[in-house]
C-alpha atoms as a PDB file:
ATOM      1  CA  MET A   1      45.378  76.550  43.259  1.00  0.00           C
ATOM      2  CA  TYR A   2      47.533  79.669  44.923  1.00  0.00           C
ATOM      3  CA  GLU A   3      47.787  80.816  41.078  1.00  0.00           C
ATOM      4  CA  PHE A   4      43.805  80.615  40.269  1.00  0.00           C
ATOM      5  CA  LEU A   5      43.374  82.924  44.158  1.00  0.00           C
ATOM      6  CA  ILE A   6      46.335  85.194  42.783  1.00  0.00           C
ATOM      7  CA  LYS A   7      44.851  85.516  39.118  1.00  0.00           C
ATOM      8  CA  GLU A   8      40.754  86.253  41.084  1.00  0.00           C
ATOM      9  CA  TYR A   9      43.160  88.957  42.929  1.00  0.00           C
ATOM     10  CA  VAL A  10      44.726  90.774  40.588  1.00  0.00           C
ATOM     11  CA  SER A  11      42.356  91.084  37.807  1.00  0.00           C
ATOM     12  CA  LYS A  12      40.080  92.921  40.551  1.00  0.00           C
ATOM     13  CA  LEU A  13      43.447  94.882  41.525  1.00  0.00           C
ATOM     14  CA  THR A  14      42.423  99.044  40.874  1.00  0.00           C
ATOM     15  CA  GLU A  15      45.215 101.654  41.683  1.00  0.00           C
ATOM     16  CA  GLU A  16      43.293 102.800  44.864  1.00  0.00           C
ATOM     17  CA  SER A  17      43.730  99.522  46.604  1.00  0.00           C
ATOM     18  CA  ILE A  18      47.204  99.322  45.722  1.00  0.00           C
ATOM     19  CA  ILE A  19      47.684 102.790  47.436  1.00  0.00           C
ATOM     20  CA  LYS A  20      45.855 101.380  50.859  1.00  0.00           C
ATOM     21  CA  TYR A  21      47.995  98.146  51.196  1.00  0.00           C
ATOM     22  CA  ALA A  22      51.407 100.134  50.345  1.00  0.00           C
ATOM     23  CA  LYS A  23      49.632 102.606  53.659  1.00  0.00           C
ATOM     24  CA  ASN A  24      49.724  99.514  55.900  1.00  0.00           C
ATOM     25  CA  TYR A  25      53.594  99.245  55.314  1.00  0.00           C
ATOM     26  CA  GLN A  26      54.332 102.850  55.524  1.00  0.00           C
ATOM     27  CA  ILE A  27      54.850 103.313  51.935  1.00  0.00           C
ATOM     28  CA  ASP A  28      54.039 106.815  50.052  1.00  0.00           C
ATOM     29  CA  ILE A  29      52.553 105.980  46.435  1.00  0.00           C
ATOM     30  CA  ASN A  30      51.379 108.537  44.563  1.00  0.00           C
ATOM     31  CA  ASP A  31      48.819 108.263  41.834  1.00  0.00           C
ATOM     32  CA  ASP A  32      51.277 108.162  38.892  1.00  0.00           C
ATOM     33  CA  GLU A  33      52.934 104.741  40.761  1.00  0.00           C
ATOM     34  CA  ALA A  34      49.903 102.998  41.530  1.00  0.00           C
ATOM     35  CA  GLU A  35      49.099 103.004  37.596  1.00  0.00           C
ATOM     36  CA  VAL A  36      52.200 101.877  36.991  1.00  0.00           C
ATOM     37  CA  LEU A  37      52.149  99.624  39.386  1.00  0.00           C
ATOM     38  CA  CYS A  38      48.539  98.718  38.497  1.00  0.00           C
ATOM     39  CA  ALA A  39      49.275  97.921  35.072  1.00  0.00           C
ATOM     40  CA  TYR A  40      52.598  95.897  36.034  1.00  0.00           C
ATOM     41  CA  ALA A  41      50.535  93.706  38.103  1.00  0.00           C
ATOM     42  CA  LYS A  42      48.014  92.675  35.767  1.00  0.00           C
ATOM     43  CA  ASN A  43      50.217  92.310  33.103  1.00  0.00           C
ATOM     44  CA  TYR A  44      52.962  90.452  34.509  1.00  0.00           C
ATOM     45  CA  TRP A  45      51.959  88.879  37.760  1.00  0.00           C
ATOM     46  CA  LYS A  46      52.467  85.737  36.810  1.00  0.00           C
ATOM     47  CA  GLU A  47      56.515  86.375  35.724  1.00  0.00           C
ATOM     48  CA  PHE A  48      56.371  87.935  39.646  1.00  0.00           C
ATOM     49  CA  TYR A  49      54.899  84.584  41.247  1.00  0.00           C
ATOM     50  CA  LEU A  50      56.595  82.407  39.231  1.00  0.00           C
ATOM     51  CA  GLY A  51      59.660  83.567  37.660  1.00  0.00           C
ATOM     52  CA  GLU A  52      63.241  85.850  37.802  1.00  0.00           C
ATOM     53  CA  PRO A  53      61.811  89.589  36.577  1.00  0.00           C
ATOM     54  CA  MET A  54      64.640  91.107  36.993  1.00  0.00           C
ATOM     55  CA  GLU A  55      64.487  93.047  34.053  1.00  0.00           C
ATOM     56  CA  LEU A  56      60.172  93.936  34.934  1.00  0.00           C
ATOM     57  CA  LEU A  57      61.607  94.824  38.433  1.00  0.00           C
ATOM     58  CA  GLN A  58      64.643  97.597  36.448  1.00  0.00           C
ATOM     59  CA  GLU A  59      61.864  99.189  34.350  1.00  0.00           C
ATOM     60  CA  LEU A  60      59.774  99.528  37.484  1.00  0.00           C
ATOM     61  CA  LYS A  61      63.046 100.898  38.954  1.00  0.00           C
ATOM     62  CA  SER A  62      63.001 104.256  36.451  1.00  0.00           C
ATOM     63  CA  LYS A  63      59.564 104.153  36.657  1.00  0.00           C
ATOM     64  CA  LEU A  64      58.860 105.068  40.585  1.00  0.00           C
ATOM     65  CA  ARG A  65      60.771 106.699  42.751  1.00  0.00           C
ATOM     66  CA  GLU A  66      63.508 105.591  44.569  1.00  0.00           C
ATOM     67  CA  LYS A  67      62.333 105.207  48.058  1.00  0.00           C
ATOM     68  CA  THR A  68      58.766 103.776  46.929  1.00  0.00           C
ATOM     69  CA  TYR A  69      60.994 101.171  44.717  1.00  0.00           C
ATOM     70  CA  ASN A  70      63.637 100.006  47.435  1.00  0.00           C
ATOM     71  CA  ASP A  71      60.507  99.588  49.946  1.00  0.00           C
ATOM     72  CA  LEU A  72      58.521  98.168  47.744  1.00  0.00           C
ATOM     73  CA  TYR A  73      61.520  95.983  46.431  1.00  0.00           C
ATOM     74  CA  LYS A  74      61.755  94.738  50.204  1.00  0.00           C
ATOM     75  CA  LEU A  75      58.708  93.796  50.703  1.00  0.00           C
ATOM     76  CA  TYR A  76      58.089  91.349  47.400  1.00  0.00           C
ATOM     77  CA  LYS A  77      61.475  89.925  48.508  1.00  0.00           C
ATOM     78  CA  ASP A  78      59.766  89.181  52.157  1.00  0.00           C
ATOM     79  CA  ALA A  79      56.739  87.818  50.191  1.00  0.00           C
ATOM     80  CA  LYS A  80      58.586  85.386  47.567  1.00  0.00           C
ATOM     81  CA  SER A  81      60.812  84.424  50.297  1.00  0.00           C
ATOM     82  CA  LYS A  82      57.569  82.755  51.724  1.00  0.00           C
ATOM     83  CA  ILE A  83      56.106  81.746  49.025  1.00  0.00           C
ATOM     84  CA  ASN A  84      59.284  79.540  48.620  1.00  0.00           C
ATOM     85  CA  LYS A  85      58.987  78.409  51.841  1.00  0.00           C
END
């Protein structure tokens, strides 16, 4: 059931919504980073949700500013731990 909901949500995801979401967590994302994150979310959401996306995370690390990546990685790990409980 969660997979369906996530798939539907991600299909409607926009760069603007990513920036707004990040601001809720005091994470500053610029337009280029939002474009990258949107593309990765839409193309690889299943790997982030179910898999071990270390390769994808390494790619993102090279495409995002260091602080942005670190803040988002922490947010991702927190969310992933809640899902796996």
